[in-house]
């Protein structure tokens, strides 16, 4: 890679990281890849995230065109979150992250006590 293309690559990667945001965004996208979810469904799937953080992540992803927020006229109002085409395209990156993690054994296999 030339110095100019390396600089362009770094700039693009930096912009993508800014669009995605923090670690929670990756998990939100991963859970939405299977279909729309309501806020509390997402909260249950990502139990370690606070309500405030989930709200911020969803708004950030929506503003950057990765997540669609759809409100339904029910009482109380039902809101579902789903991936846009742009968000669904990002799932490929998550799959590659998974493949990399498997290849390099990021989660070490546990050995049952009986085999020690």
Protein backbone atom coordinates (compact mmCIF):
# COMPACT_ATOMS: atom_id res chain seq x y z
CA UNK A 1 0.00 0.00 0.00
CA UNK A 2 1.36 3.41 -0.89
CA UNK A 3 1.63 6.17 1.69
CA UNK A 4 -1.28 8.04 0.07
CA UNK A 5 -3.53 4.98 -0.06
CA UNK A 6 -2.53 4.06 3.52
CA UNK A 7 -3.54 7.55 4.62
CA UNK A 8 -6.86 7.25 2.76
CA UNK A 9 -7.45 3.83 4.32
CA UNK A 10 -6.82 5.23 7.81
CA UNK A 11 -9.17 8.14 7.15
CA UNK A 12 -11.97 5.84 5.93
CA UNK A 13 -11.53 3.44 8.86
CA UNK A 14 -11.64 6.38 11.28
CA UNK A 15 -14.87 7.64 9.68
CA UNK A 16 -16.45 4.17 9.86
CA UNK A 17 -15.52 3.89 13.54
CA UNK A 18 -17.14 7.28 14.16
CA UNK A 19 -20.30 6.18 12.32
CA UNK A 20 -20.57 2.93 14.27
CA UNK A 21 -19.65 4.39 17.63
CA UNK A 22 -18.69 2.29 20.64
CA UNK A 23 -18.75 -1.37 21.53
CA UNK A 24 -22.49 -1.50 22.20
CA UNK A 25 -23.30 -0.57 18.60
CA UNK A 26 -21.70 -3.80 17.37
CA UNK A 27 -23.94 -5.84 19.68
CA UNK A 28 -27.06 -3.89 18.74
CA UNK A 29 -26.39 -4.50 15.05
CA UNK A 30 -25.65 -8.17 15.72
CA UNK A 31 -28.99 -8.65 17.50
CA UNK A 32 -30.98 -6.72 14.89
CA UNK A 33 -29.59 -8.81 12.02
CA UNK A 34 -32.27 -11.45 12.65
CA UNK A 35 -35.14 -8.99 12.46
CA UNK A 36 -36.84 -6.05 14.19
CA UNK A 37 -36.79 -5.79 17.97
CA UNK A 38 -38.41 -3.49 20.49
CA UNK A 39 -36.33 -1.53 22.98
CA UNK A 40 -36.93 -3.87 25.93
CA UNK A 41 -36.22 -6.92 23.79
CA UNK A 42 -32.85 -5.44 22.88
CA UNK A 43 -32.23 -4.51 26.51
CA UNK A 44 -32.86 -8.11 27.61
CA UNK A 45 -30.52 -9.47 24.92
CA UNK A 46 -27.74 -7.06 25.95
CA UNK A 47 -28.24 -7.22 29.70
CA UNK A 48 -24.99 -5.42 30.57
CA UNK A 49 -26.01 -2.21 28.76
CA UNK A 50 -27.76 0.54 30.70
CA UNK A 51 -31.06 1.96 29.49
CA UNK A 52 -29.41 5.32 28.87
CA UNK A 53 -26.55 3.81 26.86
CA UNK A 54 -28.94 1.76 24.72
CA UNK A 55 -30.99 4.87 24.02
CA UNK A 56 -27.87 6.80 22.97
CA UNK A 57 -26.58 3.95 20.77
CA UNK A 58 -29.93 3.52 19.01
CA UNK A 59 -30.21 7.27 18.33
CA UNK A 60 -26.62 7.37 17.05
CA UNK A 61 -27.17 4.40 14.73
CA UNK A 62 -30.45 5.88 13.51
CA UNK A 63 -28.83 9.28 12.81
CA UNK A 64 -26.08 7.53 10.82
CA UNK A 65 -28.56 5.54 8.74
CA UNK A 66 -27.82 2.05 10.10
CA UNK A 67 -31.00 1.57 12.16
CA UNK A 68 -34.60 2.39 11.36
CA UNK A 69 -36.91 3.40 14.22
CA UNK A 70 -40.54 2.68 13.47
CA UNK A 71 -43.33 3.79 15.81
CA UNK A 72 -46.76 2.14 15.63
CA UNK A 73 -49.95 3.99 16.71
CA UNK A 74 -50.87 1.75 19.62
CA UNK A 75 -51.57 2.56 23.25
CA UNK A 76 -48.91 2.71 24.55
CA UNK A 77 -46.89 3.46 21.41
CA UNK A 78 -44.96 0.45 20.12
CA UNK A 79 -41.50 1.19 18.72
CA UNK A 80 -39.44 -1.30 16.74
CA UNK A 81 -35.85 -1.03 15.61
CA UNK A 82 -34.51 -2.74 12.51
CA UNK A 83 -31.46 -2.55 10.30
CA UNK A 84 -31.49 -0.42 7.19
CA UNK A 85 -29.76 -1.66 4.04
CA UNK A 86 -26.64 0.15 5.23
CA UNK A 87 -26.86 -1.53 8.64
CA UNK A 88 -27.49 -4.96 7.14
CA UNK A 89 -24.42 -4.51 4.93
CA UNK A 90 -22.32 -3.96 8.08
CA UNK A 91 -23.25 -7.47 9.29
CA UNK A 92 -20.61 -8.79 6.87
CA UNK A 93 -17.97 -7.01 8.97
CA UNK A 94 -19.36 -8.60 12.14
CA UNK A 95 -19.18 -12.02 10.48
CA UNK A 96 -15.52 -11.39 9.60
CA UNK A 97 -14.84 -10.31 13.19
CA UNK A 98 -16.40 -13.59 14.32
CA UNK A 99 -14.27 -15.58 11.88
CA UNK A 100 -11.13 -13.81 13.08
CA UNK A 101 -12.06 -14.50 16.70
CA UNK A 102 -12.59 -18.19 15.98
CA UNK A 103 -9.33 -18.46 14.04
CA UNK A 104 -7.31 -16.91 16.84
CA UNK A 105 -9.26 -18.63 19.63
CA UNK A 106 -10.36 -15.41 21.30
CA UNK A 107 -12.55 -17.54 23.55
CA UNK A 108 -10.42 -20.43 24.71
CA UNK A 109 -12.17 -23.79 24.65
CA UNK A 110 -12.80 -25.09 28.13
CA UNK A 111 -11.61 -28.54 29.07
CA UNK A 112 -14.08 -30.58 31.13
CA UNK A 113 -12.78 -31.49 34.60
CA UNK A 114 -12.96 -35.20 33.77
CA UNK A 115 -10.25 -34.82 31.11
CA UNK A 116 -7.66 -33.23 33.40
